[in-house]
C-alpha atoms as a PDB file:
ATOM      1  CA  MET A   1     109.760  39.613  73.223  1.00  0.00           C
ATOM      2  CA  ALA A   2     110.206  38.082  76.630  1.00  0.00           C
ATOM      3  CA  GLN A   3     112.559  35.132  76.908  1.00  0.00           C
ATOM      4  CA  THR A   4     110.805  31.766  76.980  1.00  0.00           C
ATOM      5  CA  ASP A   5     111.338  29.484  79.972  1.00  0.00           C
ATOM      6  CA  ARG A   6     113.618  26.552  79.200  1.00  0.00           C
ATOM      7  CA  ASP A   7     110.846  23.980  79.629  1.00  0.00           C
ATOM      8  CA  ASP A   8     108.315  26.024  77.687  1.00  0.00           C
ATOM      9  CA  ALA A   9     110.148  26.490  74.409  1.00  0.00           C
ATOM     10  CA  ALA A  10     108.161  26.147  71.182  1.00  0.00           C
ATOM     11  CA  GLN A  11     107.726  22.481  70.311  1.00  0.00           C
ATOM     12  CA  THR A  12     108.213  20.902  66.897  1.00  0.00           C
ATOM     13  CA  ASP A  13     106.258  18.253  65.033  1.00  0.00           C
ATOM     14  CA  GLY A  14     108.474  15.189  64.898  1.00  0.00           C
ATOM     15  CA  PRO A  15     111.703  14.729  62.922  1.00  0.00           C
ATOM     16  CA  THR A  16     110.847  17.338  60.289  1.00  0.00           C
ATOM     17  CA  GLY A  17     111.446  20.098  62.824  1.00  0.00           C
ATOM     18  CA  HIS A  18     108.601  22.246  61.482  1.00  0.00           C
ATOM     19  CA  LYS A  19     107.058  24.547  64.057  1.00  0.00           C
ATOM     20  CA  ARG A  20     103.439  24.046  64.939  1.00  0.00           C
ATOM     21  CA  SER A  21     101.007  26.695  63.795  1.00  0.00           C
ATOM     22  CA  ARG A  22     100.381  29.345  66.434  1.00  0.00           C
ATOM     23  CA  PHE A  23      96.653  28.831  66.022  1.00  0.00           C
ATOM     24  CA  LYS A  24      96.680  25.029  66.179  1.00  0.00           C
ATOM     25  CA  PRO A  25      95.219  23.309  69.264  1.00  0.00           C
ATOM     26  CA  ARG A  26      97.748  21.808  71.668  1.00  0.00           C
ATOM     27  CA  LEU A  27      97.709  19.072  74.264  1.00  0.00           C
ATOM     28  CA  PRO A  28      95.736  19.694  77.484  1.00  0.00           C
ATOM     29  CA  ARG A  29      99.006  20.408  79.325  1.00  0.00           C
ATOM     30  CA  THR A  30      98.937  24.026  78.165  1.00  0.00           C
ATOM     31  CA  VAL A  31      97.815  26.659  80.652  1.00  0.00           C
ATOM     32  CA  THR A  32      95.505  28.089  78.001  1.00  0.00           C
ATOM     33  CA  THR A  33      93.674  24.772  77.707  1.00  0.00           C
ATOM     34  CA  TRP A  34      93.233  24.466  81.465  1.00  0.00           C
ATOM     35  CA  LEU A  35      91.979  28.041  81.758  1.00  0.00           C
ATOM     36  CA  ILE A  36      89.321  27.252  79.163  1.00  0.00           C
ATOM     37  CA  VAL A  37      88.390  24.006  80.914  1.00  0.00           C
ATOM     38  CA  ILE A  38      88.034  25.726  84.300  1.00  0.00           C
ATOM     39  CA  ASN A  39      85.863  28.501  82.855  1.00  0.00           C
ATOM     40  CA  LEU A  40      83.604  25.974  81.139  1.00  0.00           C
ATOM     41  CA  ALA A  41      83.393  23.842  84.277  1.00  0.00           C
ATOM     42  CA  PHE A  42      82.461  26.761  86.553  1.00  0.00           C
ATOM     43  CA  PHE A  43      79.733  27.849  84.162  1.00  0.00           C
ATOM     44  CA  ALA A  44      78.378  24.313  83.805  1.00  0.00           C
ATOM     45  CA  VAL A  45      78.336  23.600  87.552  1.00  0.00           C
ATOM     46  CA  ASP A  46      76.336  26.716  88.396  1.00  0.00           C
ATOM     47  CA  ARG A  47      73.849  26.187  85.552  1.00  0.00           C
ATOM     48  CA  VAL A  48      73.280  22.514  86.310  1.00  0.00           C
ATOM     49  CA  LEU A  49      72.697  23.180  90.016  1.00  0.00           C
ATOM     50  CA  VAL A  50      70.319  26.079  89.326  1.00  0.00           C
ATOM     51  CA  TYR A  51      68.326  24.762  86.359  1.00  0.00           C
ATOM     52  CA  PHE A  52      68.130  21.057  87.190  1.00  0.00           C
ATOM     53  CA  PHE A  53      68.309  20.955  90.985  1.00  0.00           C
ATOM     54  CA  GLN A  54      67.091  24.456  91.938  1.00  0.00           C
ATOM     55  CA  VAL A  55      70.178  24.912  94.122  1.00  0.00           C
ATOM     56  CA  GLY A  56      71.330  28.493  94.501  1.00  0.00           C
ATOM     57  CA  ARG A  57      70.701  31.788  96.199  1.00  0.00           C
ATOM     58  CA  GLU A  58      67.488  33.727  95.666  1.00  0.00           C
ATOM     59  CA  PHE A  59      67.853  37.332  94.600  1.00  0.00           C
ATOM     60  CA  GLN A  60      65.589  40.019  93.198  1.00  0.00           C
ATOM     61  CA  TYR A  61      66.066  42.402  90.315  1.00  0.00           C
ATOM     62  CA  TYR A  62      63.972  44.952  88.449  1.00  0.00           C
ATOM     63  CA  ARG A  63      62.763  44.213  84.907  1.00  0.00           C
ATOM     64  CA  PRO A  64      61.238  46.884  82.632  1.00  0.00           C
ATOM     65  CA  VAL A  65      57.679  46.002  81.585  1.00  0.00           C
ATOM     66  CA  GLY A  66      56.594  49.225  79.979  1.00  0.00           C
ATOM     67  CA  LYS A  67      57.334  52.898  79.664  1.00  0.00           C
ATOM     68  CA  GLY A  68      58.490  54.015  83.090  1.00  0.00           C
ATOM     69  CA  GLN A  69      57.296  50.773  84.708  1.00  0.00           C
ATOM     70  CA  VAL A  70      59.269  47.903  86.218  1.00  0.00           C
ATOM     71  CA  GLU A  71      58.459  44.687  87.991  1.00  0.00           C
ATOM     72  CA  VAL A  72      60.368  42.847  90.690  1.00  0.00           C
ATOM     73  CA  VAL A  73      61.582  39.434  89.548  1.00  0.00           C
ATOM     74  CA  THR A  74      62.867  36.718  91.873  1.00  0.00           C
ATOM     75  CA  ALA A  75      65.491  34.360  90.451  1.00  0.00           C
ATOM     76  CA  LEU A  76      68.179  31.920  91.512  1.00  0.00           C
ATOM     77  CA  GLN A  77      71.857  32.742  91.331  1.00  0.00           C
ATOM     78  CA  GLY A  78      74.488  30.004  91.341  1.00  0.00           C
ATOM     79  CA  TRP A  79      76.632  29.688  94.451  1.00  0.00           C
ATOM     80  CA  LEU A  80      79.892  29.983  92.528  1.00  0.00           C
ATOM     81  CA  GLU A  81      78.700  33.230  90.996  1.00  0.00           C
ATOM     82  CA  TYR A  82      77.455  34.509  94.341  1.00  0.00           C
ATOM     83  CA  TRP A  83      80.766  33.862  96.116  1.00  0.00           C
ATOM     84  CA  GLY A  84      83.026  34.727  93.192  1.00  0.00           C
ATOM     85  CA  GLN A  85      81.542  37.781  91.489  1.00  0.00           C
ATOM     86  CA  PHE A  86      83.245  41.132  91.961  1.00  0.00           C
ATOM     87  CA  THR A  87      81.475  44.087  93.541  1.00  0.00           C
ATOM     88  CA  ALA A  88      83.156  47.101  95.094  1.00  0.00           C
ATOM     89  CA  GLU A  89      81.108  46.535  98.222  1.00  0.00           C
ATOM     90  CA  THR A  90      82.207  42.952  98.843  1.00  0.00           C
ATOM     91  CA  ALA A  91      85.725  42.898  97.355  1.00  0.00           C
ATOM     92  CA  ILE A  92      86.925  46.269  98.659  1.00  0.00           C
ATOM     93  CA  GLN A  93      84.709  47.454 101.496  1.00  0.00           C
ATOM     94  CA  LYS A  94      84.346  43.973 103.033  1.00  0.00           C
ATOM     95  CA  LEU A  95      87.906  42.900 102.065  1.00  0.00           C
ATOM     96  CA  GLN A  96      86.777  39.744 100.244  1.00  0.00           C
ATOM     97  CA  VAL A  97      89.866  39.999  98.067  1.00  0.00           C
ATOM     98  CA  TRP A  98      89.481  36.552  96.453  1.00  0.00           C
ATOM     99  CA  ARG A  99      86.796  38.111  94.274  1.00  0.00           C
ATOM    100  CA  PHE A 100      89.507  39.911  92.264  1.00  0.00           C
ATOM    101  CA  VAL A 101      90.403  36.451  90.914  1.00  0.00           C
ATOM    102  CA  GLY A 102      87.142  34.532  91.324  1.00  0.00           C
ATOM    103  CA  PHE A 103      85.109  36.772  89.023  1.00  0.00           C
ATOM    104  CA  GLN A 104      87.489  35.937  86.159  1.00  0.00           C
ATOM    105  CA  PHE A 105      86.113  32.394  85.929  1.00  0.00           C
ATOM    106  CA  LEU A 106      82.414  33.327  85.890  1.00  0.00           C
ATOM    107  CA  HIS A 107      80.195  34.399  83.001  1.00  0.00           C
ATOM    108  CA  GLY A 108      76.732  35.840  82.672  1.00  0.00           C
ATOM    109  CA  ASN A 109      75.545  33.785  79.684  1.00  0.00           C
ATOM    110  CA  TYR A 110      76.602  31.390  76.931  1.00  0.00           C
ATOM    111  CA  VAL A 111      77.533  34.124  74.443  1.00  0.00           C
ATOM    112  CA  HIS A 112      79.724  35.886  77.008  1.00  0.00           C
ATOM    113  CA  LEU A 113      81.491  32.623  77.850  1.00  0.00           C
ATOM    114  CA  LEU A 114      81.980  31.365  74.293  1.00  0.00           C
ATOM    115  CA  PHE A 115      83.301  34.682  72.971  1.00  0.00           C
ATOM    116  CA  ASN A 116      85.915  34.939  75.726  1.00  0.00           C
ATOM    117  CA  MET A 117      87.004  31.319  75.379  1.00  0.00           C
ATOM    118  CA  PHE A 118      87.266  31.596  71.597  1.00  0.00           C
ATOM    119  CA  VAL A 119      89.535  34.636  71.816  1.00  0.00           C
ATOM    120  CA  LEU A 120      91.609  32.965  74.532  1.00  0.00           C
ATOM    121  CA  PHE A 121      91.911  29.832  72.387  1.00  0.00           C
ATOM    122  CA  MET A 122      93.014  31.853  69.348  1.00  0.00           C
ATOM    123  CA  PHE A 123      95.660  34.008  71.029  1.00  0.00           C
ATOM    124  CA  GLY A 124      96.531  32.465  74.376  1.00  0.00           C
ATOM    125  CA  LEU A 125      99.022  29.971  72.931  1.00  0.00           C
ATOM    126  CA  ILE A 126     101.019  32.752  71.270  1.00  0.00           C
ATOM    127  CA  VAL A 127     101.518  34.534  74.573  1.00  0.00           C
ATOM    128  CA  GLU A 128     102.059  31.292  76.474  1.00  0.00           C
ATOM    129  CA  ASP A 129     104.844  30.281  74.072  1.00  0.00           C
ATOM    130  CA  ALA A 130     106.503  33.682  74.495  1.00  0.00           C
ATOM    131  CA  LEU A 131     106.309  33.939  78.281  1.00  0.00           C
ATOM    132  CA  GLY A 132     106.388  30.328  79.417  1.00  0.00           C
ATOM    133  CA  ARG A 133     103.676  28.645  81.457  1.00  0.00           C
ATOM    134  CA  ARG A 134     104.318  30.245  84.837  1.00  0.00           C
ATOM    135  CA  ARG A 135     104.770  33.795  83.634  1.00  0.00           C
ATOM    136  CA  TYR A 136     101.827  33.410  81.273  1.00  0.00           C
ATOM    137  CA  LEU A 137      99.512  32.301  84.070  1.00  0.00           C
ATOM    138  CA  ALA A 138     100.667  35.219  86.226  1.00  0.00           C
ATOM    139  CA  PHE A 139     100.244  37.580  83.257  1.00  0.00           C
ATOM    140  CA  TYR A 140      96.697  36.382  82.617  1.00  0.00           C
ATOM    141  CA  LEU A 141      95.562  36.633  86.246  1.00  0.00           C
ATOM    142  CA  ILE A 142      97.208  40.031  86.801  1.00  0.00           C
ATOM    143  CA  CYS A 143      95.497  41.411  83.692  1.00  0.00           C
ATOM    144  CA  GLY A 144      92.251  39.999  85.063  1.00  0.00           C
ATOM    145  CA  VAL A 145      92.777  41.751  88.402  1.00  0.00           C
ATOM    146  CA  ALA A 146      93.427  45.000  86.523  1.00  0.00           C
ATOM    147  CA  GLY A 147      89.899  44.777  85.087  1.00  0.00           C
ATOM    148  CA  PRO A 148      87.925  45.695  88.223  1.00  0.00           C
ATOM    149  CA  ILE A 149      90.651  48.167  89.195  1.00  0.00           C
ATOM    150  CA  GLY A 150      90.156  49.997  85.892  1.00  0.00           C
ATOM    151  CA  TYR A 151      86.401  49.758  86.340  1.00  0.00           C
ATOM    152  CA  CYS A 152      86.558  51.288  89.842  1.00  0.00           C
ATOM    153  CA  LEU A 153      88.967  54.044  88.766  1.00  0.00           C
ATOM    154  CA  LEU A 154      86.741  55.184  85.893  1.00  0.00           C
ATOM    155  CA  TRP A 155      83.711  55.001  88.182  1.00  0.00           C
ATOM    156  CA  MET A 156      85.397  57.178  90.831  1.00  0.00           C
ATOM    157  CA  MET A 157      86.480  59.623  88.107  1.00  0.00           C
ATOM    158  CA  GLY A 158      82.845  60.057  87.069  1.00  0.00           C
ATOM    159  CA  TRP A 159      83.076  58.301  83.710  1.00  0.00           C
ATOM    160  CA  LEU A 160      80.680  55.530  84.711  1.00  0.00           C
ATOM    161  CA  VAL A 161      77.322  55.279  86.433  1.00  0.00           C
ATOM    162  CA  ALA A 162      77.585  52.467  88.958  1.00  0.00           C
ATOM    163  CA  THR A 163      76.796  51.470  92.525  1.00  0.00           C
ATOM    164  CA  PRO A 164      78.938  49.600  95.087  1.00  0.00           C
ATOM    165  CA  ASP A 165      76.842  46.458  94.585  1.00  0.00           C
ATOM    166  CA  ALA A 166      77.124  46.448  90.778  1.00  0.00           C
ATOM    167  CA  GLN A 167      78.306  42.970  89.740  1.00  0.00           C
ATOM    168  CA  LEU A 168      81.253  42.260  87.482  1.00  0.00           C
ATOM    169  CA  VAL A 169      81.943  38.791  86.063  1.00  0.00           C
ATOM    170  CA  GLY A 170      83.880  37.424  83.119  1.00  0.00           C
ATOM    171  CA  ALA A 171      87.309  36.553  81.779  1.00  0.00           C
ATOM    172  CA  SER A 172      87.301  39.556  79.440  1.00  0.00           C
ATOM    173  CA  ALA A 173      89.935  41.597  81.280  1.00  0.00           C
ATOM    174  CA  GLY A 174      92.470  38.762  81.163  1.00  0.00           C
ATOM    175  CA  VAL A 175      91.469  37.953  77.590  1.00  0.00           C
ATOM    176  CA  PHE A 176      91.967  41.576  76.519  1.00  0.00           C
ATOM    177  CA  GLY A 177      95.421  41.485  78.094  1.00  0.00           C
ATOM    178  CA  VAL A 178      96.193  38.357  76.060  1.00  0.00           C
ATOM    179  CA  LEU A 179      94.868  39.961  72.865  1.00  0.00           C
ATOM    180  CA  LEU A 180      97.047  43.046  73.424  1.00  0.00           C
ATOM    181  CA  ALA A 181     100.088  40.868  74.082  1.00  0.00           C
ATOM    182  CA  ALA A 182      99.475  38.840  70.916  1.00  0.00           C
ATOM    183  CA  ALA A 183      99.142  42.058  68.918  1.00  0.00           C
ATOM    184  CA  MET A 184     102.555  43.142  70.231  1.00  0.00           C
ATOM    185  CA  LEU A 185     104.183  39.756  69.569  1.00  0.00           C
ATOM    186  CA  VAL A 186     102.762  38.977  66.110  1.00  0.00           C
ATOM    187  CA  PRO A 187     101.108  42.214  64.923  1.00  0.00           C
ATOM    188  CA  LYS A 188     100.844  41.230  61.245  1.00  0.00           C
ATOM    189  CA  GLU A 189      99.622  37.665  61.774  1.00  0.00           C
ATOM    190  CA  GLU A 190      96.210  37.239  60.156  1.00  0.00           C
ATOM    191  CA  VAL A 191      93.161  35.591  61.694  1.00  0.00           C
ATOM    192  CA  LEU A 192      89.752  34.950  60.195  1.00  0.00           C
ATOM    193  CA  VAL A 193      86.993  36.921  61.912  1.00  0.00           C
ATOM    194  CA  LEU A 194      83.750  34.928  61.831  1.00  0.00           C
ATOM    195  CA  GLY A 195      85.674  32.430  59.737  1.00  0.00           C
ATOM    196  CA  LEU A 196      85.411  34.747  56.714  1.00  0.00           C
ATOM    197  CA  PHE A 197      87.321  38.009  56.975  1.00  0.00           C
ATOM    198  CA  PRO A 198      91.144  38.040  57.291  1.00  0.00           C
ATOM    199  CA  VAL A 199      92.285  40.652  59.816  1.00  0.00           C
ATOM    200  CA  GLN A 200      95.725  41.347  61.251  1.00  0.00           C
ATOM    201  CA  VAL A 201      95.975  40.800  64.990  1.00  0.00           C
ATOM    202  CA  ARG A 202      97.028  44.398  65.686  1.00  0.00           C
ATOM    203  CA  ASP A 203      94.031  45.725  63.741  1.00  0.00           C
ATOM    204  CA  LEU A 204      91.673  43.442  65.642  1.00  0.00           C
ATOM    205  CA  ALA A 205      93.126  44.629  68.955  1.00  0.00           C
ATOM    206  CA  PHE A 206      92.790  48.253  67.863  1.00  0.00           C
ATOM    207  CA  VAL A 207      89.131  47.783  66.906  1.00  0.00           C
ATOM    208  CA  MET A 208      88.276  46.062  70.185  1.00  0.00           C
ATOM    209  CA  ILE A 209      89.929  48.811  72.234  1.00  0.00           C
ATOM    210  CA  PHE A 210      88.264  51.508  70.140  1.00  0.00           C
ATOM    211  CA  VAL A 211      84.858  49.921  70.809  1.00  0.00           C
ATOM    212  CA  ALA A 212      85.588  49.900  74.546  1.00  0.00           C
ATOM    213  CA  VAL A 213      86.655  53.554  74.583  1.00  0.00           C
ATOM    214  CA  TYR A 214      83.703  54.619  72.420  1.00  0.00           C
ATOM    215  CA  THR A 215      81.238  52.794  74.679  1.00  0.00           C
ATOM    216  CA  ILE A 216      82.626  54.410  77.832  1.00  0.00           C
ATOM    217  CA  VAL A 217      82.752  57.920  76.361  1.00  0.00           C
ATOM    218  CA  PHE A 218      79.240  57.893  74.875  1.00  0.00           C
ATOM    219  CA  PHE A 219      77.370  55.450  77.109  1.00  0.00           C
ATOM    220  CA  GLY A 220      79.344  55.417  80.363  1.00  0.00           C
ATOM    221  CA  LYS A 221      76.774  57.562  82.161  1.00  0.00           C
ATOM    222  CA  THR A 222      73.873  55.355  81.130  1.00  0.00           C
ATOM    223  CA  THR A 223      73.006  51.747  81.895  1.00  0.00           C
ATOM    224  CA  MET A 224      73.315  50.784  78.219  1.00  0.00           C
ATOM    225  CA  HIS A 225      75.906  48.773  76.281  1.00  0.00           C
ATOM    226  CA  ASN A 226      77.836  47.317  79.234  1.00  0.00           C
ATOM    227  CA  ALA A 227      80.076  50.342  79.743  1.00  0.00           C
ATOM    228  CA  GLY A 228      81.275  48.933  83.074  1.00  0.00           C
ATOM    229  CA  GLY A 229      82.412  45.751  81.369  1.00  0.00           C
ATOM    230  CA  GLU A 230      84.230  47.770  78.708  1.00  0.00           C
ATOM    231  CA  ALA A 231      86.038  49.674  81.462  1.00  0.00           C
ATOM    232  CA  ALA A 232      87.284  46.338  82.794  1.00  0.00           C
ATOM    233  CA  HIS A 233      88.400  45.419  79.272  1.00  0.00           C
ATOM    234  CA  LEU A 234      90.528  48.558  79.101  1.00  0.00           C
ATOM    235  CA  GLY A 235      92.021  47.812  82.510  1.00  0.00           C
ATOM    236  CA  GLY A 236      93.107  44.361  81.343  1.00  0.00           C
ATOM    237  CA  ALA A 237      94.448  45.685  78.031  1.00  0.00           C
ATOM    238  CA  ALA A 238      96.417  48.450  79.747  1.00  0.00           C
ATOM    239  CA  MET A 239      97.989  45.967  82.144  1.00  0.00           C
ATOM    240  CA  GLY A 240      98.798  43.609  79.276  1.00  0.00           C
ATOM    241  CA  PHE A 241     100.608  46.423  77.464  1.00  0.00           C
ATOM    242  CA  LEU A 242     102.518  47.403  80.611  1.00  0.00           C
ATOM    243  CA  LEU A 243     103.670  43.853  81.350  1.00  0.00           C
ATOM    244  CA  MET A 244     104.756  43.155  77.774  1.00  0.00           C
ATOM    245  CA  LYS A 245     106.717  46.405  77.688  1.00  0.00           C
ATOM    246  CA  ASN A 246     108.329  45.537  81.025  1.00  0.00           C
ATOM    247  CA  PRO A 247     108.741  41.725  81.034  1.00  0.00           C
ATOM    248  CA  LYS A 248     111.032  41.897  84.083  1.00  0.00           C
ATOM    249  CA  LEU A 249     107.903  42.536  86.159  1.00  0.00           C
ATOM    250  CA  LEU A 250     107.007  38.883  85.563  1.00  0.00           C
ATOM    251  CA  GLN A 251     110.461  37.481  86.238  1.00  0.00           C
ATOM    252  CA  ALA A 252     109.576  36.472  89.789  1.00  0.00           C
ATOM    253  CA  PHE A 253     107.150  33.912  88.319  1.00  0.00           C
ATOM    254  CA  ALA A 254     109.705  32.272  86.008  1.00  0.00           C
ATOM    255  CA  ARG A 255     111.040  28.816  86.788  1.00  0.00           C
ATOM    256  CA  SER A 256     114.167  29.168  88.907  1.00  0.00           C
ATOM    257  CA  GLN A 257     117.384  27.835  87.469  1.00  0.00           C
ATOM    258  CA  GLN A 258     119.261  25.181  89.418  1.00  0.00           C
ATOM    259  CA  ASN A 259     122.903  25.877  90.188  1.00  0.00           C
ATOM    260  CA  LYS A 260     125.312  23.580  88.382  1.00  0.00           C
ATOM    261  CA  GLY A 261     128.282  22.183  90.271  1.00  0.00           C
END
C-alpha cells in the first residue's frame, strides 16, 4: 500500500480513537466529494441551458425508425459537452488535448452519471486515504486519460468499430481505476450490491472487468452494448493496476516535505 501523505492520514472520531468506516461519507474537503460535485454540476449546467433556455449547439444524428430505415433528427447539445467530449478527430488530429480531461466530467444521461458517482462515492475514499489527496487526484485523472488511450488502441488494433468523430464521455475510466485500486487495497471488504447482496470488492472488480472484456470480444465489431465505452473502462482499470503496483510513479504529486533546521 502506498504511504499516506502526512496531512492525509486516516482521521478518527473524537477521543475514542475509533477509525471511521471506509464507506462512511466525509466532509466536503475530500477530493472524492469535490469530484462528485463537479460532475453533478457539469451535468446540471448543460441540461438546464439546453432544456430550459434552448442554449446549445445544434447537431444531427440518425435514428432507426424501421427495418433498414433511419431518419435524421436535429437536437441540441450542451456547450460543455461540445467543448469537452473526446473524439479522436478533435483531441488527437486537431491537438485539442484538454479533451483527455474534459470528457471525464461529462455524462450522456442520468443513469450513466449516477452509476459512476455511486461507485466513486463507495470506493474513492479508500483510495484517497491510501494515497493522500494530491496523489489520489493525479491517480484519478491519469486513469481517466488512460480511458480514451485504451479505446483508441483497441480501435486501431481492429477490436472495435469506430470512426474518428465517435464521441466518448464519462467518468468511467477514472472510476474503474479507483475500483481496481480499492480491490487491491481491501480485497475482502464487503459491499452491498443494490443494497441487498454482499460482495467482496475484489469479486466486484473482477465481474466488472469480465463484463468489459466480454462486451469487447463479442460485440466490439458492432454498434451494440457500448463496446467503445467498455474499452475505455479497461484502459482506466489497467492504469489503476499499474499505478498501484508502482506507487513511486505518483510520488511527484505528493506534498513536499519542508527541511527542518
